[in-house]
Each structure stands twice: as structure tokens, then as C-alpha cells.
Amino acid sequence: SYKAAKPSDFQYKTIHKDKIRHILERSKVVIDINHPDQKGLTIRTFELLAMKKKMITTNPEIKKYDFFNPNNIYVVKRDEETEIPNEFFQTDYQVVDDGIVEKYSIERWLFEILEMQNEV
């Protein structure tokens, strides 16, 4: 229904990062809609992993990652109507091993980048 909409039909407001964090902290499940041409996962994916939050995403690539757990992550197809089972919302987040979560942290990423530069 939004395909015919013009950019002027929408309001754009920046939300302060503290407010975003507050909303995420209060949420049990967060929706993550990736850009169709995006390669890899969104930053939001890694934020939610660290925050121990369930997510609904349009990115099927997430199923290839070692932290994927269908109890925590529900993948929907972008162009199909989907009914998400109530159980997904009713069950608790299943904690991912700390070693796996740490592997995707910004600290680990920076360490690996800096180590690679030292090897060159």
C-alpha cells in the first residue's frame, strides 16, 4: 500500500539513541527488516544478540550463523503474508553461549582488524 507513496507523505524524525535503547530494553521481540540488496546481517542483529532479545527478520542469511536459534529468531519472507506462531512470543529467550556472543562483539571485531593490520 506504500508503493505509490511519495517521500513527502512521510515524517522523518530522528530518535535519540537513549530513547531507542530504552525501547529495546522494554521489548521482548524486535522486528528487523533488512534492505533487499544488503549483504550480511544488520547491526541491529548484533545489538539484539548482545541484549538477549528475540527478533523477527526478513533476512534468511541469519540461519547460517552459529547463534541462530528458531526459538529466538523468526525469519519471514519479505513478499509473503506470514502468521507468526503465538509460541514464539510466549516462550522465553534461550540464552546463547557467551563465547558465541563475544565472537560478534565490537571489541572482538576491532581486535581482529588491528591484529590483521599488524600482520601486514
Protein backbone atom coordinates (compact mmCIF):
# COMPACT_ATOMS: atom_id res chain seq x y z
CA SER A 1 0.00 0.00 0.00
CA TYR A 2 3.03 2.30 0.32
CA LYS A 3 4.39 1.73 -3.18
CA ALA A 4 2.62 4.80 -4.58
CA ALA A 5 3.64 7.00 -1.65
CA LYS A 6 5.98 9.94 -2.12
CA PRO A 7 8.74 10.81 0.37
CA SER A 8 6.74 13.92 1.30
CA ASP A 9 3.94 11.65 2.54
CA PHE A 10 6.12 10.61 5.47
CA GLN A 11 7.51 12.39 8.50
CA TYR A 12 11.15 11.83 9.34
CA LYS A 13 12.22 12.32 12.92
CA THR A 14 15.49 11.34 14.49
CA ILE A 15 15.09 9.36 17.70
CA HIS A 16 17.79 9.90 20.30
CA LYS A 17 19.91 6.80 20.93
CA ASP A 18 18.92 6.75 24.62
CA LYS A 19 15.25 6.53 23.67
CA ILE A 20 15.97 3.75 21.18
CA ARG A 21 17.88 1.82 23.84
CA HIS A 22 15.02 2.33 26.31
CA ILE A 23 12.50 0.99 23.76
CA LEU A 24 14.71 -2.02 23.00
CA GLU A 25 15.22 -2.79 26.69
CA ARG A 26 11.45 -2.86 27.24
CA SER A 27 10.79 -5.00 24.16
CA LYS A 28 10.60 -8.77 24.15
CA VAL A 29 10.70 -9.06 20.35
CA VAL A 30 12.12 -6.61 17.79
CA ILE A 31 11.44 -6.56 14.05
CA ASP A 32 14.47 -6.21 11.78
CA ILE A 33 13.76 -5.52 8.11
CA ASN A 34 16.94 -5.54 6.09
CA HIS A 35 17.39 -3.75 2.76
CA PRO A 36 16.77 -6.25 -0.09
CA ASP A 37 20.26 -5.64 -1.54
CA GLN A 38 22.06 -5.88 1.80
CA LYS A 39 24.81 -8.45 2.12
CA GLY A 40 25.22 -9.96 5.58
CA LEU A 41 23.38 -9.03 8.74
CA THR A 42 22.28 -5.67 10.11
CA ILE A 43 23.94 -4.03 13.09
CA ARG A 44 20.60 -4.37 14.89
CA THR A 45 21.03 -8.16 14.73
CA PHE A 46 24.21 -7.99 16.79
CA GLU A 47 22.72 -5.46 19.20
CA LEU A 48 19.79 -7.76 19.85
CA LEU A 49 22.08 -10.75 20.28
CA ALA A 50 24.02 -8.88 22.97
CA MET A 51 20.79 -7.69 24.60
CA LYS A 52 19.30 -11.20 24.62
CA LYS A 53 16.22 -10.15 22.63
CA LYS A 54 14.12 -12.17 20.25
CA MET A 55 13.80 -10.91 16.71
CA ILE A 56 11.70 -11.25 13.62
CA THR A 57 13.71 -10.64 10.46
CA THR A 58 13.38 -10.66 6.70
CA ASN A 59 17.00 -11.80 6.30
CA PRO A 60 17.23 -15.56 5.66
CA GLU A 61 21.05 -15.38 5.81
CA ILE A 62 20.78 -15.34 9.60
CA LYS A 63 20.07 -19.09 9.53
CA LYS A 64 23.72 -19.68 8.53
CA TYR A 65 25.12 -18.19 11.76
CA ASP A 66 26.11 -20.18 14.83
CA PHE A 67 23.86 -18.11 17.10
CA PHE A 68 20.72 -18.85 15.08
CA ASN A 69 18.03 -20.43 17.21
CA PRO A 70 14.46 -20.63 15.83
CA ASN A 71 13.19 -20.06 19.38
CA ASN A 72 14.92 -16.63 19.36
CA ILE A 73 14.82 -15.65 15.69
CA TYR A 74 11.85 -15.96 13.37
CA VAL A 75 12.51 -15.46 9.66
CA VAL A 76 9.69 -14.18 7.46
CA LYS A 77 9.64 -13.92 3.69
CA ARG A 78 9.53 -10.33 2.52
CA ASP A 79 6.72 -10.69 -0.03
CA GLU A 80 4.55 -13.28 1.68
CA GLU A 81 1.88 -12.90 4.30
CA THR A 82 3.08 -14.70 7.41
CA GLU A 83 1.41 -15.73 10.61
CA ILE A 84 3.92 -15.97 13.41
CA PRO A 85 3.01 -18.67 15.95
CA ASN A 86 1.94 -17.42 19.38
CA GLU A 87 4.53 -19.73 20.94
CA PHE A 88 7.29 -17.53 19.54
CA PHE A 89 6.03 -14.64 21.66
CA GLN A 90 5.11 -16.73 24.68
CA THR A 91 8.39 -18.58 25.15
CA ASP A 92 11.43 -17.06 26.81
CA TYR A 93 14.63 -16.17 25.01
CA GLN A 94 17.05 -19.11 25.02
CA VAL A 95 20.44 -17.80 26.10
CA VAL A 96 23.23 -18.10 23.53
CA ASP A 97 26.64 -19.24 24.76
CA ASP A 98 28.74 -16.28 25.95
CA GLY A 99 31.64 -17.34 23.71
CA ILE A 100 29.44 -17.11 20.62
CA VAL A 101 28.03 -13.72 21.64
CA GLU A 102 31.54 -12.39 22.37
CA LYS A 103 32.68 -13.54 18.92
CA TYR A 104 30.33 -10.96 17.37
CA SER A 105 31.15 -8.07 19.73
CA ILE A 106 32.63 -4.80 18.52
CA GLU A 107 35.64 -5.41 20.76
CA ARG A 108 36.39 -8.72 19.07
CA TRP A 109 35.90 -7.20 15.63
CA LEU A 110 38.31 -4.35 16.41
CA PHE A 111 40.85 -6.77 17.85
CA GLU A 112 40.76 -8.89 14.70
CA ILE A 113 41.06 -5.84 12.41
CA LEU A 114 44.01 -4.47 14.38
CA GLU A 115 45.71 -7.87 14.50
CA MET A 116 45.37 -8.24 10.75
CA GLN A 117 46.97 -4.82 10.24
CA ASN A 118 49.89 -5.83 12.48
CA GLU A 119 50.47 -8.90 10.30
CA VAL A 120 50.77 -6.89 7.08
